[in-house]
C-alpha atoms as a PDB file:
ATOM      1  CA  MET A   1     123.591 144.081 108.454  1.00  0.00           C
ATOM      2  CA  ASP A   2     126.389 144.716 105.846  1.00  0.00           C
ATOM      3  CA  GLU A   3     124.087 144.212 102.934  1.00  0.00           C
ATOM      4  CA  LEU A   4     121.458 146.408 104.370  1.00  0.00           C
ATOM      5  CA  GLN A   5     124.094 148.931 104.998  1.00  0.00           C
ATOM      6  CA  ALA A   6     125.624 148.801 101.825  1.00  0.00           C
ATOM      7  CA  THR A   7     122.406 149.111  99.786  1.00  0.00           C
ATOM      8  CA  LEU A   8     121.401 152.376 101.777  1.00  0.00           C
ATOM      9  CA  CYS A   9     125.003 153.633 100.884  1.00  0.00           C
ATOM     10  CA  GLU A  10     124.264 152.963  97.225  1.00  0.00           C
ATOM     11  CA  ARG A  11     120.920 154.706  97.503  1.00  0.00           C
ATOM     12  CA  PHE A  12     122.716 157.941  98.450  1.00  0.00           C
ATOM     13  CA  GLY A  13     125.753 157.595  96.283  1.00  0.00           C
ATOM     14  CA  ALA A  14     128.071 157.025  99.307  1.00  0.00           C
ATOM     15  CA  GLU A  15     131.060 154.661  99.678  1.00  0.00           C
ATOM     16  CA  PHE A  16     130.181 151.853 102.146  1.00  0.00           C
ATOM     17  CA  HIS A  17     132.202 152.070 105.095  1.00  0.00           C
ATOM     18  CA  PRO A  18     131.115 149.447 107.597  1.00  0.00           C
ATOM     19  CA  SER A  19     130.849 149.929 111.531  1.00  0.00           C
ATOM     20  CA  GLN A  20     132.444 146.858 112.894  1.00  0.00           C
ATOM     21  CA  PRO A  21     130.562 145.279 115.597  1.00  0.00           C
ATOM     22  CA  GLN A  22     133.026 145.405 118.278  1.00  0.00           C
ATOM     23  CA  LEU A  23     133.765 148.977 117.913  1.00  0.00           C
ATOM     24  CA  LYS A  24     132.009 151.867 119.878  1.00  0.00           C
ATOM     25  CA  LEU A  25     130.033 154.751 118.896  1.00  0.00           C
ATOM     26  CA  GLY A  26     128.838 157.699 121.062  1.00  0.00           C
ATOM     27  CA  VAL A  27     125.190 157.533 121.704  1.00  0.00           C
ATOM     28  CA  ALA A  28     123.145 160.088 123.967  1.00  0.00           C
ATOM     29  CA  MET A  29     121.057 157.509 125.917  1.00  0.00           C
ATOM     30  CA  ALA A  30     119.109 160.170 127.791  1.00  0.00           C
ATOM     31  CA  THR A  31     117.780 161.573 124.686  1.00  0.00           C
ATOM     32  CA  LEU A  32     116.843 158.593 122.455  1.00  0.00           C
ATOM     33  CA  GLU A  33     113.234 159.075 123.378  1.00  0.00           C
ATOM     34  CA  GLN A  34     113.394 162.562 121.720  1.00  0.00           C
ATOM     35  CA  LYS A  35     112.742 162.877 117.980  1.00  0.00           C
ATOM     36  CA  PRO A  36     114.209 163.161 115.467  1.00  0.00           C
ATOM     37  CA  ILE A  37     117.176 160.805 115.833  1.00  0.00           C
ATOM     38  CA  ASN A  38     120.210 162.311 114.367  1.00  0.00           C
ATOM     39  CA  GLY A  39     123.529 160.598 113.651  1.00  0.00           C
ATOM     40  CA  LEU A  40     126.950 162.281 112.475  1.00  0.00           C
ATOM     41  CA  ARG A  41     130.316 160.226 111.572  1.00  0.00           C
ATOM     42  CA  HIS A  42     133.905 161.874 112.197  1.00  0.00           C
ATOM     43  CA  PRO A  43     136.795 159.879 111.057  1.00  0.00           C
ATOM     44  CA  PRO A  44     137.319 156.794 113.163  1.00  0.00           C
ATOM     45  CA  LYS A  45     139.854 156.734 115.893  1.00  0.00           C
ATOM     46  CA  GLY A  46     141.283 153.773 117.888  1.00  0.00           C
ATOM     47  CA  ASP A  47     138.429 151.605 118.820  1.00  0.00           C
ATOM     48  CA  THR A  48     135.561 154.065 117.717  1.00  0.00           C
ATOM     49  CA  THR A  49     133.384 154.264 114.591  1.00  0.00           C
ATOM     50  CA  GLY A  50     133.411 157.931 114.494  1.00  0.00           C
ATOM     51  CA  TRP A  51     129.547 157.937 114.973  1.00  0.00           C
ATOM     52  CA  TYR A  52     127.769 160.100 117.228  1.00  0.00           C
ATOM     53  CA  ILE A  53     123.886 159.406 117.788  1.00  0.00           C
ATOM     54  CA  TRP A  54     121.293 161.660 119.644  1.00  0.00           C
ATOM     55  CA  GLY A  55     117.632 162.188 119.829  1.00  0.00           C
ATOM     56  CA  GLY A  56     116.087 165.939 119.463  1.00  0.00           C
ATOM     57  CA  GLY A  57     117.162 168.939 117.768  1.00  0.00           C
ATOM     58  CA  GLU A  58     119.975 170.100 119.844  1.00  0.00           C
ATOM     59  CA  LEU A  59     123.469 168.696 120.021  1.00  0.00           C
ATOM     60  CA  SER A  60     124.970 169.045 123.550  1.00  0.00           C
ATOM     61  CA  SER A  61     128.669 169.890 124.262  1.00  0.00           C
ATOM     62  CA  ALA A  62     128.492 168.427 127.608  1.00  0.00           C
ATOM     63  CA  ASN A  63     131.236 165.953 128.380  1.00  0.00           C
ATOM     64  CA  ASP A  64     128.799 163.406 129.558  1.00  0.00           C
ATOM     65  CA  PHE A  65     126.444 163.697 126.896  1.00  0.00           C
ATOM     66  CA  PHE A  66     127.350 160.681 124.843  1.00  0.00           C
ATOM     67  CA  GLN A  67     128.102 157.257 126.374  1.00  0.00           C
ATOM     68  CA  PRO A  68     130.055 154.685 124.389  1.00  0.00           C
ATOM     69  CA  VAL A  69     128.258 151.783 123.055  1.00  0.00           C
ATOM     70  CA  HIS A  70     129.348 148.822 121.202  1.00  0.00           C
ATOM     71  CA  VAL A  71     127.836 148.549 117.714  1.00  0.00           C
ATOM     72  CA  HIS A  72     126.658 145.080 118.260  1.00  0.00           C
ATOM     73  CA  HIS A  73     124.232 146.593 120.923  1.00  0.00           C
ATOM     74  CA  LEU A  74     122.334 148.644 118.596  1.00  0.00           C
ATOM     75  CA  ASP A  75     120.018 146.109 117.614  1.00  0.00           C
ATOM     76  CA  ALA A  76     118.657 146.078 120.780  1.00  0.00           C
ATOM     77  CA  ILE A  77     118.963 149.630 121.731  1.00  0.00           C
ATOM     78  CA  LEU A  78     117.979 151.586 118.523  1.00  0.00           C
ATOM     79  CA  PRO A  79     117.524 149.111 115.612  1.00  0.00           C
ATOM     80  CA  ALA A  80     116.421 152.043 113.238  1.00  0.00           C
ATOM     81  CA  ILE A  81     119.668 153.494 112.762  1.00  0.00           C
ATOM     82  CA  VAL A  82     121.611 150.265 112.050  1.00  0.00           C
ATOM     83  CA  PRO A  83     121.080 150.573 108.213  1.00  0.00           C
ATOM     84  CA  TYR A  84     122.905 154.092 108.466  1.00  0.00           C
ATOM     85  CA  LEU A  85     126.068 152.991 110.046  1.00  0.00           C
ATOM     86  CA  GLY A  86     127.722 151.971 106.907  1.00  0.00           C
ATOM     87  CA  LEU A  87     127.991 155.619 105.719  1.00  0.00           C
ATOM     88  CA  PRO A  88     131.413 157.012 105.499  1.00  0.00           C
ATOM     89  CA  PRO A  89     132.875 159.754 107.832  1.00  0.00           C
ATOM     90  CA  GLY A  90     131.547 163.011 106.760  1.00  0.00           C
ATOM     91  CA  TRP A  91     127.925 161.826 106.532  1.00  0.00           C
ATOM     92  CA  ARG A  92     124.873 162.812 108.509  1.00  0.00           C
ATOM     93  CA  PHE A  93     121.397 161.537 108.830  1.00  0.00           C
ATOM     94  CA  GLN A  94     118.197 162.690 110.604  1.00  0.00           C
ATOM     95  CA  ILE A  95     115.079 160.066 110.755  1.00  0.00           C
ATOM     96  CA  THR A  96     111.933 159.966 112.513  1.00  0.00           C
ATOM     97  CA  LEU A  97     108.581 158.280 111.474  1.00  0.00           C
ATOM     98  CA  GLY A  98     107.864 159.031 108.079  1.00  0.00           C
ATOM     99  CA  TYR A  99     111.086 161.093 107.436  1.00  0.00           C
ATOM    100  CA  GLU A 100     114.611 160.490 106.687  1.00  0.00           C
ATOM    101  CA  ASP A 101     117.350 162.845 105.637  1.00  0.00           C
ATOM    102  CA  VAL A 102     120.770 162.042 104.836  1.00  0.00           C
ATOM    103  CA  TRP A 103     123.653 164.139 103.440  1.00  0.00           C
ATOM    104  CA  PHE A 104     127.391 164.813 103.437  1.00  0.00           C
ATOM    105  CA  ASP A 105     129.046 167.509 105.529  1.00  0.00           C
ATOM    106  CA  GLY A 106     132.721 168.002 104.884  1.00  0.00           C
ATOM    107  CA  THR A 107     133.244 169.855 108.183  1.00  0.00           C
ATOM    108  CA  LEU A 108     133.086 166.610 110.027  1.00  0.00           C
ATOM    109  CA  LEU A 109     136.176 165.359 108.239  1.00  0.00           C
ATOM    110  CA  ASN A 110     138.170 168.271 110.050  1.00  0.00           C
ATOM    111  CA  GLU A 111     140.079 167.550 113.194  1.00  0.00           C
ATOM    112  CA  SER A 112     139.377 169.534 116.084  1.00  0.00           C
END
């Protein structure tokens, strides 16, 4: 997994910042059937990677929108996003069949 993630980071000129398997990310499980799949990474805190993943266009601010999921479960839940999880804080992605967009968003580095 690390090699795949490092290769993707190199392709986009980003520093490799792995998401350790025992850490958690926020996944909007109820939206994963919607397309595209979106991800953004804030700075990690505690036992989290800083990643938030959801399907569809809109990101909800509802307290129960995201559920904590350990990184090591993603191979079974949503394997298509695993290569992107090595992108460092401040990066985003959007993917769907035949489409990929990856970019840096410095606003994600701000504490809120």
